[in-house]
């Protein structure tokens, strides 16, 4: 098989993340695994790229400048209903995972995740009913984190609107969001 034939049959994956180093590492990892890979730093450039590049897969960060990843997931789903979309974020919460899937994401992974984990999540075609269930209840701090992220998702990633909805000062909310998810 010639190089041009391999390029024509390679699957296309688009990486959308505002972290330039992470974006470039993923693109290189996907290229090394035989995928054609392109990247974008925000929702607007990702939509332009998706129209030109026509990816079969998309890895989308939740929080980016401009529109959130949740808004981008909806736009990508409208653009290509067959595209497999993975929501990838450092702000993992149950509510955002559920919202991402409702809006059209194929799957959801918390950061850090490597290229192999991402590809496995994108290729997963069915749920695992036999997965191990966690019996430990969430701590009050973790419940607060989950609720804040749920309201943030309901407000399309808009921090000011979320702060108003929570009756919280915007800077206080930003400090809470800047912290990593609360450990159990």
N, C-alpha and C. Protein backbone atom coordinates (compact mmCIF):
# COMPACT_ATOMS: atom_id res chain seq x y z
N UNK A 1 0.85 -1.17 0.00
CA UNK A 1 0.00 0.00 0.00
C UNK A 1 0.90 1.24 0.00
N UNK A 2 0.63 2.16 -0.91
CA UNK A 2 1.44 3.37 -1.00
C UNK A 2 1.10 4.33 0.13
N UNK A 3 1.97 5.31 0.32
CA UNK A 3 1.75 6.31 1.38
C UNK A 3 0.46 7.08 1.13
N UNK A 4 0.18 7.45 -0.12
CA UNK A 4 -1.04 8.21 -0.40
C UNK A 4 -2.29 7.36 -0.15
N UNK A 5 -2.22 6.04 -0.42
CA UNK A 5 -3.36 5.17 -0.14
C UNK A 5 -3.58 5.05 1.37
N UNK A 6 -2.47 4.95 2.14
CA UNK A 6 -2.57 4.87 3.59
C UNK A 6 -3.19 6.15 4.15
N UNK A 7 -2.78 7.30 3.63
CA UNK A 7 -3.31 8.58 4.08
C UNK A 7 -4.80 8.67 3.77
N UNK A 8 -5.22 8.17 2.60
CA UNK A 8 -6.63 8.23 2.21
C UNK A 8 -7.51 7.33 3.06
N UNK A 9 -6.94 6.25 3.62
CA UNK A 9 -7.74 5.33 4.42
C UNK A 9 -7.59 5.55 5.92
N UNK A 10 -6.66 6.43 6.32
CA UNK A 10 -6.45 6.69 7.74
C UNK A 10 -7.66 7.42 8.32
N UNK A 11 -7.99 7.07 9.54
CA UNK A 11 -9.10 7.75 10.22
C UNK A 11 -8.62 9.12 10.68
N UNK A 12 -9.57 10.07 10.69
CA UNK A 12 -9.25 11.45 11.05
C UNK A 12 -9.75 11.75 12.45
N UNK A 13 -8.88 12.40 13.24
CA UNK A 13 -9.24 12.78 14.60
C UNK A 13 -8.86 14.24 14.82
N UNK A 14 -9.77 14.98 15.44
CA UNK A 14 -9.55 16.39 15.73
C UNK A 14 -9.44 16.56 17.25
N UNK A 15 -8.43 17.30 17.69
CA UNK A 15 -8.22 17.57 19.11
C UNK A 15 -8.52 19.05 19.36
N UNK A 16 -9.42 19.33 20.31
CA UNK A 16 -9.77 20.71 20.64
C UNK A 16 -9.49 20.93 22.12
N UNK A 17 -8.45 21.71 22.40
CA UNK A 17 -8.04 21.97 23.78
C UNK A 17 -7.28 23.28 23.81
N UNK A 18 -7.48 24.08 24.85
CA UNK A 18 -6.79 25.36 24.94
C UNK A 18 -5.36 25.22 25.44
N UNK A 19 -4.97 24.06 25.95
CA UNK A 19 -3.60 23.81 26.41
C UNK A 19 -2.76 23.37 25.21
N UNK A 20 -1.90 24.28 24.73
CA UNK A 20 -1.15 24.02 23.50
C UNK A 20 -0.24 22.79 23.60
N UNK A 21 0.45 22.64 24.72
CA UNK A 21 1.36 21.50 24.87
C UNK A 21 0.58 20.18 24.84
N UNK A 22 -0.51 20.12 25.59
CA UNK A 22 -1.33 18.90 25.62
C UNK A 22 -1.87 18.59 24.23
N UNK A 23 -2.34 19.63 23.54
CA UNK A 23 -2.88 19.49 22.19
C UNK A 23 -1.84 18.88 21.25
N UNK A 24 -0.64 19.43 21.27
CA UNK A 24 0.41 18.96 20.37
C UNK A 24 0.86 17.54 20.71
N UNK A 25 0.92 17.21 21.99
CA UNK A 25 1.29 15.86 22.41
C UNK A 25 0.27 14.85 21.90
N UNK A 26 -1.02 15.18 22.05
CA UNK A 26 -2.06 14.26 21.56
C UNK A 26 -2.02 14.11 20.05
N UNK A 27 -1.86 15.21 19.33
CA UNK A 27 -1.80 15.14 17.87
C UNK A 27 -0.65 14.23 17.43
N UNK A 28 0.50 14.41 18.04
CA UNK A 28 1.67 13.58 17.68
C UNK A 28 1.41 12.11 18.02
N UNK A 29 0.81 11.86 19.19
CA UNK A 29 0.51 10.47 19.59
C UNK A 29 -0.47 9.82 18.62
N UNK A 30 -1.49 10.56 18.18
CA UNK A 30 -2.45 10.00 17.23
C UNK A 30 -1.80 9.76 15.88
N UNK A 31 -0.94 10.67 15.44
CA UNK A 31 -0.21 10.47 14.19
C UNK A 31 0.64 9.21 14.25
N UNK A 32 1.30 9.00 15.40
CA UNK A 32 2.14 7.81 15.58
C UNK A 32 1.32 6.52 15.57
N UNK A 33 0.03 6.62 15.84
CA UNK A 33 -0.86 5.46 15.84
C UNK A 33 -1.61 5.30 14.52
N UNK A 34 -1.23 6.09 13.52
CA UNK A 34 -1.79 5.93 12.19
C UNK A 34 -3.02 6.77 11.88
N UNK A 35 -3.33 7.74 12.71
CA UNK A 35 -4.48 8.61 12.47
C UNK A 35 -4.01 9.91 11.83
N UNK A 36 -4.84 10.48 10.98
CA UNK A 36 -4.62 11.85 10.53
C UNK A 36 -5.16 12.72 11.64
N UNK A 37 -4.38 13.69 12.09
CA UNK A 37 -4.79 14.45 13.26
C UNK A 37 -4.56 15.93 13.06
N UNK A 38 -5.56 16.72 13.43
CA UNK A 38 -5.50 18.18 13.39
C UNK A 38 -5.98 18.70 14.73
N UNK A 39 -5.67 19.97 15.03
CA UNK A 39 -6.08 20.51 16.32
C UNK A 39 -6.55 21.95 16.22
N UNK A 40 -7.29 22.34 17.25
CA UNK A 40 -7.80 23.71 17.38
C UNK A 40 -7.76 24.08 18.85
N UNK A 41 -7.70 25.40 19.12
CA UNK A 41 -7.59 25.87 20.49
C UNK A 41 -8.92 26.34 21.09
N UNK A 42 -9.95 26.53 20.25
CA UNK A 42 -11.23 27.02 20.76
C UNK A 42 -12.37 26.52 19.88
N UNK A 43 -13.59 26.78 20.31
CA UNK A 43 -14.77 26.27 19.61
C UNK A 43 -14.91 26.82 18.19
N UNK A 44 -14.70 28.11 18.02
CA UNK A 44 -14.86 28.71 16.69
C UNK A 44 -13.90 28.12 15.67
N UNK A 45 -12.62 28.04 16.03
CA UNK A 45 -11.65 27.47 15.08
C UNK A 45 -11.88 25.97 14.90
N UNK A 46 -12.41 25.30 15.92
CA UNK A 46 -12.71 23.87 15.81
C UNK A 46 -13.83 23.62 14.80
N UNK A 47 -14.85 24.47 14.81
CA UNK A 47 -15.94 24.32 13.85
C UNK A 47 -15.46 24.55 12.43
N UNK A 48 -14.63 25.56 12.23
CA UNK A 48 -14.06 25.81 10.89
C UNK A 48 -13.23 24.62 10.44
N UNK A 49 -12.41 24.10 11.35
CA UNK A 49 -11.57 22.95 11.03
C UNK A 49 -12.42 21.72 10.72
N UNK A 50 -13.47 21.51 11.48
CA UNK A 50 -14.33 20.34 11.27
C UNK A 50 -14.99 20.36 9.89
N UNK A 51 -15.37 21.54 9.42
CA UNK A 51 -15.98 21.66 8.10
C UNK A 51 -14.97 21.28 7.02
N UNK A 52 -13.72 21.71 7.16
CA UNK A 52 -12.68 21.43 6.16
C UNK A 52 -12.10 20.03 6.29
N UNK A 53 -11.78 19.63 7.51
CA UNK A 53 -11.05 18.38 7.78
C UNK A 53 -11.97 17.16 7.78
N UNK A 54 -13.24 17.33 8.15
CA UNK A 54 -14.23 16.26 8.23
C UNK A 54 -13.74 15.05 9.06
N UNK A 55 -13.46 15.29 10.35
CA UNK A 55 -12.96 14.19 11.20
C UNK A 55 -14.04 13.17 11.53
N UNK A 56 -13.60 11.94 11.76
CA UNK A 56 -14.50 10.89 12.21
C UNK A 56 -14.59 10.89 13.74
N UNK A 57 -13.53 11.42 14.38
CA UNK A 57 -13.44 11.48 15.83
C UNK A 57 -13.09 12.91 16.26
N UNK A 58 -13.57 13.29 17.45
CA UNK A 58 -13.19 14.57 18.02
C UNK A 58 -12.97 14.40 19.52
N UNK A 59 -11.89 14.98 20.01
CA UNK A 59 -11.60 15.01 21.44
C UNK A 59 -11.75 16.47 21.85
N UNK A 60 -12.71 16.74 22.72
CA UNK A 60 -13.09 18.12 23.05
C UNK A 60 -12.90 18.39 24.54
N UNK A 61 -12.17 19.45 24.85
CA UNK A 61 -12.00 19.90 26.23
C UNK A 61 -13.28 20.59 26.69
N UNK A 62 -13.61 20.50 27.96
CA UNK A 62 -14.83 21.12 28.47
C UNK A 62 -14.71 22.63 28.59
N UNK A 63 -13.65 23.11 29.22
CA UNK A 63 -13.52 24.54 29.48
C UNK A 63 -12.42 25.12 28.60
N UNK A 64 -12.85 26.05 27.73
CA UNK A 64 -11.94 26.73 26.80
C UNK A 64 -12.36 28.18 26.68
N UNK A 65 -11.51 29.01 26.09
CA UNK A 65 -11.96 30.39 25.83
C UNK A 65 -13.15 30.37 24.87
N UNK A 66 -14.06 31.32 25.03
CA UNK A 66 -15.24 31.36 24.17
C UNK A 66 -16.26 30.34 24.63
N UNK A 67 -16.91 29.70 23.66
CA UNK A 67 -17.93 28.70 23.99
C UNK A 67 -17.31 27.49 24.69
N UNK A 68 -18.08 26.89 25.59
CA UNK A 68 -17.59 25.71 26.30
C UNK A 68 -17.59 24.50 25.37
N UNK A 69 -16.95 23.43 25.82
CA UNK A 69 -16.95 22.19 25.07
C UNK A 69 -18.34 21.61 24.90
N UNK A 70 -19.24 21.89 25.84
CA UNK A 70 -20.61 21.39 25.73
C UNK A 70 -21.32 22.00 24.52
N UNK A 71 -21.09 23.29 24.30
CA UNK A 71 -21.68 23.97 23.13
C UNK A 71 -21.07 23.40 21.85
N UNK A 72 -19.76 23.16 21.88
CA UNK A 72 -19.08 22.60 20.70
C UNK A 72 -19.57 21.19 20.38
N UNK A 73 -19.81 20.38 21.40
CA UNK A 73 -20.32 19.02 21.18
C UNK A 73 -21.63 19.08 20.39
N UNK A 74 -22.53 19.96 20.79
CA UNK A 74 -23.81 20.11 20.08
C UNK A 74 -23.58 20.51 18.62
N UNK A 75 -22.70 21.48 18.39
CA UNK A 75 -22.44 21.96 17.03
C UNK A 75 -21.81 20.86 16.17
N UNK A 76 -20.87 20.11 16.74
CA UNK A 76 -20.24 19.02 15.99
C UNK A 76 -21.26 17.92 15.67
N UNK A 77 -22.14 17.64 16.61
CA UNK A 77 -23.17 16.61 16.39
C UNK A 77 -24.10 17.03 15.25
N UNK A 78 -24.46 18.33 15.20
CA UNK A 78 -25.30 18.82 14.09
C UNK A 78 -24.54 18.74 12.76
N UNK A 79 -23.25 19.03 12.80
CA UNK A 79 -22.43 19.01 11.59
C UNK A 79 -22.29 17.59 11.03
N UNK A 80 -22.06 16.62 11.91
CA UNK A 80 -21.89 15.22 11.49
C UNK A 80 -22.45 14.30 12.57
N UNK A 81 -23.66 13.81 12.40
CA UNK A 81 -24.27 12.95 13.42
C UNK A 81 -23.51 11.64 13.66
N UNK A 82 -22.64 11.24 12.73
CA UNK A 82 -21.90 9.98 12.88
C UNK A 82 -20.57 10.16 13.61
N UNK A 83 -20.14 11.41 13.82
CA UNK A 83 -18.85 11.66 14.46
C UNK A 83 -18.85 11.15 15.89
N UNK A 84 -17.77 10.48 16.28
CA UNK A 84 -17.61 10.04 17.67
C UNK A 84 -16.88 11.14 18.42
N UNK A 85 -17.49 11.63 19.49
CA UNK A 85 -16.97 12.78 20.22
C UNK A 85 -16.69 12.37 21.67
N UNK A 86 -15.48 12.66 22.12
CA UNK A 86 -15.08 12.38 23.50
C UNK A 86 -14.91 13.71 24.24
N UNK A 87 -15.61 13.87 25.35
CA UNK A 87 -15.43 15.04 26.21
C UNK A 87 -14.29 14.71 27.16
N UNK A 88 -13.28 15.55 27.17
CA UNK A 88 -12.10 15.34 28.00
C UNK A 88 -11.91 16.57 28.86
N UNK A 89 -11.80 16.40 30.17
CA UNK A 89 -11.67 17.57 31.03
C UNK A 89 -10.94 17.31 32.32
N UNK A 90 -10.32 18.35 32.81
CA UNK A 90 -9.68 18.30 34.12
C UNK A 90 -10.67 18.58 35.23
N UNK A 91 -11.90 18.96 34.88
CA UNK A 91 -12.94 19.29 35.85
C UNK A 91 -14.04 18.22 35.80
N UNK A 92 -13.65 16.99 36.04
CA UNK A 92 -14.59 15.89 35.90
C UNK A 92 -15.65 15.92 37.00
N UNK A 93 -16.89 15.80 36.59
CA UNK A 93 -17.98 15.67 37.55
C UNK A 93 -19.07 14.82 36.90
N UNK A 94 -19.88 14.23 37.73
CA UNK A 94 -20.96 13.39 37.24
C UNK A 94 -21.92 14.20 36.38
N UNK A 95 -22.25 15.39 36.84
CA UNK A 95 -23.24 16.20 36.11
C UNK A 95 -22.74 16.62 34.73
N UNK A 96 -21.47 17.00 34.61
CA UNK A 96 -20.98 17.39 33.29
C UNK A 96 -20.84 16.18 32.38
N UNK A 97 -20.51 15.02 32.95
CA UNK A 97 -20.44 13.81 32.12
C UNK A 97 -21.81 13.48 31.56
N UNK A 98 -22.83 13.53 32.40
CA UNK A 98 -24.19 13.23 31.96
C UNK A 98 -24.62 14.25 30.91
N UNK A 99 -24.36 15.53 31.16
CA UNK A 99 -24.75 16.59 30.23
C UNK A 99 -24.04 16.43 28.89
N UNK A 100 -22.74 16.10 28.92
CA UNK A 100 -21.99 15.92 27.68
C UNK A 100 -22.58 14.80 26.83
N UNK A 101 -22.94 13.69 27.47
CA UNK A 101 -23.53 12.57 26.75
C UNK A 101 -24.91 12.93 26.22
N UNK A 102 -25.70 13.64 27.02
CA UNK A 102 -27.03 14.08 26.56
C UNK A 102 -26.91 14.97 25.33
N UNK A 103 -25.87 15.80 25.29
CA UNK A 103 -25.70 16.74 24.18
C UNK A 103 -25.06 16.11 22.95
N UNK A 104 -24.62 14.85 23.08
CA UNK A 104 -24.11 14.17 21.89
C UNK A 104 -22.71 13.58 21.99
N UNK A 105 -22.05 13.73 23.13
CA UNK A 105 -20.72 13.11 23.27
C UNK A 105 -20.88 11.60 23.31
N UNK A 106 -19.95 10.90 22.69
CA UNK A 106 -19.95 9.45 22.69
C UNK A 106 -19.50 8.92 24.04
N UNK A 107 -18.56 9.62 24.64
CA UNK A 107 -18.00 9.19 25.92
C UNK A 107 -17.38 10.39 26.61
N UNK A 108 -16.85 10.17 27.82
CA UNK A 108 -16.34 11.23 28.67
C UNK A 108 -15.17 10.68 29.47
N UNK A 109 -14.06 11.42 29.52
CA UNK A 109 -12.91 10.99 30.32
C UNK A 109 -12.36 12.18 31.11
N UNK A 110 -11.94 11.92 32.35
CA UNK A 110 -11.25 12.98 33.10
C UNK A 110 -9.78 13.03 32.70
N UNK A 111 -9.18 14.22 32.75
CA UNK A 111 -7.74 14.35 32.53
C UNK A 111 -7.05 13.93 33.82
N UNK A 112 -5.87 13.43 33.81
CA UNK A 112 -5.07 13.17 32.61
C UNK A 112 -5.48 11.85 31.95
N UNK A 113 -5.45 11.85 30.65
CA UNK A 113 -5.73 10.64 29.86
C UNK A 113 -4.74 10.60 28.72
N UNK A 114 -4.24 9.42 28.42
CA UNK A 114 -3.29 9.32 27.30
C UNK A 114 -4.02 8.91 26.02
N UNK A 115 -3.29 8.89 24.92
CA UNK A 115 -3.88 8.61 23.61
C UNK A 115 -4.56 7.24 23.57
N UNK A 116 -3.97 6.24 24.20
CA UNK A 116 -4.57 4.90 24.18
C UNK A 116 -5.91 4.87 24.93
N UNK A 117 -5.97 5.55 26.09
CA UNK A 117 -7.23 5.62 26.84
C UNK A 117 -8.30 6.35 26.03
N UNK A 118 -7.89 7.42 25.36
CA UNK A 118 -8.83 8.21 24.55
C UNK A 118 -9.38 7.38 23.40
N UNK A 119 -8.48 6.68 22.69
CA UNK A 119 -8.93 5.86 21.57
C UNK A 119 -9.84 4.72 22.03
N UNK A 120 -9.52 4.13 23.17
CA UNK A 120 -10.36 3.05 23.71
C UNK A 120 -11.75 3.60 24.05
N UNK A 121 -11.81 4.79 24.63
CA UNK A 121 -13.10 5.39 24.98
C UNK A 121 -13.90 5.75 23.73
N UNK A 122 -13.22 6.21 22.68
CA UNK A 122 -13.90 6.55 21.44
C UNK A 122 -14.43 5.31 20.72
N UNK A 123 -13.71 4.21 20.84
CA UNK A 123 -14.11 2.98 20.15
C UNK A 123 -15.11 2.15 20.94
N UNK A 124 -15.33 2.51 22.19
CA UNK A 124 -16.27 1.76 23.03
C UNK A 124 -17.68 1.92 22.46
N UNK A 125 -18.32 0.81 22.16
CA UNK A 125 -19.63 0.88 21.51
C UNK A 125 -20.78 0.54 22.44
N UNK A 126 -20.48 -0.02 23.62
CA UNK A 126 -21.58 -0.36 24.53
C UNK A 126 -21.18 -0.08 25.96
N UNK A 127 -22.15 0.08 26.80
CA UNK A 127 -21.92 0.33 28.21
C UNK A 127 -21.55 -0.97 28.91
N UNK A 128 -20.91 -0.85 30.06
CA UNK A 128 -20.50 -2.00 30.85
C UNK A 128 -21.40 -2.14 32.07
N UNK A 129 -22.43 -2.97 31.96
CA UNK A 129 -23.37 -3.15 33.07
C UNK A 129 -22.72 -3.88 34.24
N UNK A 130 -21.62 -4.55 33.99
CA UNK A 130 -20.93 -5.29 35.04
C UNK A 130 -19.83 -4.51 35.73
N UNK A 131 -19.74 -3.21 35.46
CA UNK A 131 -18.66 -2.44 36.08
C UNK A 131 -18.85 -2.38 37.59
N UNK A 132 -17.73 -2.26 38.29
CA UNK A 132 -17.74 -2.21 39.74
C UNK A 132 -18.38 -0.91 40.22
N UNK A 133 -19.32 -1.01 41.14
CA UNK A 133 -20.01 0.17 41.65
C UNK A 133 -19.36 0.65 42.94
N UNK A 134 -19.28 1.97 43.08
CA UNK A 134 -18.71 2.55 44.27
C UNK A 134 -19.78 2.64 45.35
N UNK A 135 -19.50 2.12 46.53
CA UNK A 135 -20.47 2.10 47.62
C UNK A 135 -20.34 3.29 48.55
N UNK A 136 -19.24 4.02 48.47
CA UNK A 136 -18.96 5.11 49.38
C UNK A 136 -19.76 6.36 48.99
N UNK A 137 -20.53 6.96 49.91
CA UNK A 137 -21.27 8.18 49.58
C UNK A 137 -20.32 9.36 49.37
N UNK A 138 -20.76 10.35 48.62
CA UNK A 138 -19.94 11.52 48.36
C UNK A 138 -19.86 12.40 49.60
N UNK A 139 -18.69 13.03 49.79
CA UNK A 139 -18.52 13.97 50.91
C UNK A 139 -19.27 15.25 50.60
N UNK A 140 -19.58 16.06 51.62
CA UNK A 140 -20.26 17.34 51.36
C UNK A 140 -19.46 18.25 50.41
N UNK A 141 -18.14 18.26 50.53
CA UNK A 141 -17.32 19.08 49.63
C UNK A 141 -17.42 18.59 48.19
N UNK A 142 -17.43 17.26 48.02
CA UNK A 142 -17.55 16.70 46.68
C UNK A 142 -18.94 16.98 46.10
N UNK A 143 -19.98 16.89 46.94
CA UNK A 143 -21.32 17.21 46.49
C UNK A 143 -21.42 18.66 46.02
N UNK A 144 -20.76 19.57 46.77
CA UNK A 144 -20.73 20.98 46.35
C UNK A 144 -20.06 21.11 44.99
N UNK A 145 -18.93 20.44 44.82
CA UNK A 145 -18.20 20.47 43.55
C UNK A 145 -19.09 19.98 42.40
N UNK A 146 -19.78 18.87 42.62
CA UNK A 146 -20.66 18.31 41.60
C UNK A 146 -21.79 19.29 41.26
N UNK A 147 -22.38 19.91 42.29
CA UNK A 147 -23.49 20.83 42.06
C UNK A 147 -23.01 22.07 41.29
N UNK A 148 -21.86 22.61 41.68
CA UNK A 148 -21.32 23.78 40.97
C UNK A 148 -21.11 23.44 39.49
N UNK A 149 -20.56 22.29 39.20
CA UNK A 149 -20.32 21.90 37.81
C UNK A 149 -21.62 21.64 37.06
N UNK A 150 -22.64 21.16 37.75
CA UNK A 150 -23.95 20.97 37.12
C UNK A 150 -24.53 22.32 36.70
N UNK A 151 -24.48 23.29 37.62
CA UNK A 151 -25.01 24.62 37.31
C UNK A 151 -24.17 25.29 36.23
N UNK A 152 -22.86 25.09 36.26
CA UNK A 152 -21.99 25.62 35.22
C UNK A 152 -22.36 25.05 33.85
N UNK A 153 -22.63 23.76 33.80
CA UNK A 153 -23.04 23.12 32.54
C UNK A 153 -24.38 23.65 32.08
N UNK A 154 -25.31 23.86 33.01
CA UNK A 154 -26.62 24.40 32.66
C UNK A 154 -26.53 25.81 32.09
N UNK A 155 -25.47 26.53 32.48
CA UNK A 155 -25.26 27.90 32.00
C UNK A 155 -24.26 27.95 30.84
N UNK A 156 -24.04 26.83 30.19
CA UNK A 156 -23.18 26.79 29.02
C UNK A 156 -21.73 27.16 29.30
N UNK A 157 -21.24 26.94 30.51
CA UNK A 157 -19.87 27.27 30.85
C UNK A 157 -19.66 28.73 31.21
N UNK A 158 -20.73 29.51 31.28
CA UNK A 158 -20.64 30.94 31.60
C UNK A 158 -20.49 31.10 33.11
N UNK A 159 -19.30 31.56 33.54
CA UNK A 159 -19.00 31.67 34.96
C UNK A 159 -19.84 32.76 35.63
N UNK A 160 -20.03 33.89 34.96
CA UNK A 160 -20.82 34.99 35.56
C UNK A 160 -22.26 34.56 35.78
N UNK A 161 -22.87 33.91 34.79
CA UNK A 161 -24.25 33.45 34.93
C UNK A 161 -24.35 32.38 36.02
N UNK A 162 -23.36 31.53 36.11
CA UNK A 162 -23.34 30.49 37.13
C UNK A 162 -23.24 31.10 38.52
N UNK A 163 -22.37 32.10 38.68
CA UNK A 163 -22.24 32.79 39.97
C UNK A 163 -23.56 33.43 40.39
N UNK A 164 -24.25 34.05 39.44
CA UNK A 164 -25.55 34.65 39.75
C UNK A 164 -26.55 33.56 40.16
N UNK A 165 -26.57 32.45 39.44
CA UNK A 165 -27.51 31.37 39.75
C UNK A 165 -27.23 30.76 41.12
N UNK A 166 -25.96 30.74 41.52
CA UNK A 166 -25.59 30.17 42.82
C UNK A 166 -25.60 31.21 43.94
N UNK A 167 -25.89 32.47 43.57
CA UNK A 167 -25.86 33.57 44.53
C UNK A 167 -24.49 33.63 45.21
N UNK A 168 -23.45 33.58 44.37
CA UNK A 168 -22.07 33.52 44.83
C UNK A 168 -21.28 34.60 44.10
N UNK A 169 -20.30 35.17 44.75
CA UNK A 169 -19.45 36.15 44.08
C UNK A 169 -18.67 35.45 42.97
N UNK A 170 -18.53 36.12 41.83
CA UNK A 170 -17.87 35.51 40.67
C UNK A 170 -16.45 35.06 40.99
N UNK A 171 -15.70 35.88 41.73
CA UNK A 171 -14.30 35.52 42.05
C UNK A 171 -14.24 34.29 42.96
N UNK A 172 -15.19 34.19 43.87
CA UNK A 172 -15.25 33.00 44.73
C UNK A 172 -15.49 31.76 43.89
N UNK A 173 -16.42 31.86 42.94
CA UNK A 173 -16.70 30.74 42.06
C UNK A 173 -15.47 30.39 41.22
N UNK A 174 -14.78 31.40 40.70
CA UNK A 174 -13.58 31.13 39.91
C UNK A 174 -12.52 30.42 40.74
N UNK A 175 -12.36 30.83 42.00
CA UNK A 175 -11.38 30.14 42.88
C UNK A 175 -11.77 28.68 43.08
N UNK A 176 -13.07 28.43 43.28
CA UNK A 176 -13.54 27.05 43.46
C UNK A 176 -13.32 26.22 42.20
N UNK A 177 -13.56 26.83 41.03
CA UNK A 177 -13.38 26.12 39.77
C UNK A 177 -11.90 25.89 39.44
N UNK A 178 -11.02 26.77 39.92
CA UNK A 178 -9.59 26.64 39.62
C UNK A 178 -8.97 25.47 40.39
N UNK A 179 -9.62 25.07 41.47
CA UNK A 179 -9.11 23.94 42.25
C UNK A 179 -9.44 22.64 41.52
N UNK A 180 -8.62 21.65 41.76
CA UNK A 180 -8.90 20.34 41.19
C UNK A 180 -10.11 19.75 41.89
N UNK A 181 -10.77 18.78 41.28
CA UNK A 181 -11.93 18.16 41.95
C UNK A 181 -11.55 17.69 43.35
N UNK A 182 -12.46 17.84 44.25
CA UNK A 182 -12.25 17.46 45.64
C UNK A 182 -12.02 15.96 45.72
N UNK A 183 -10.99 15.56 46.42
CA UNK A 183 -10.72 14.13 46.62
C UNK A 183 -11.69 13.57 47.65
N UNK A 184 -12.01 12.32 47.51
CA UNK A 184 -12.95 11.66 48.45
C UNK A 184 -12.27 11.34 49.74
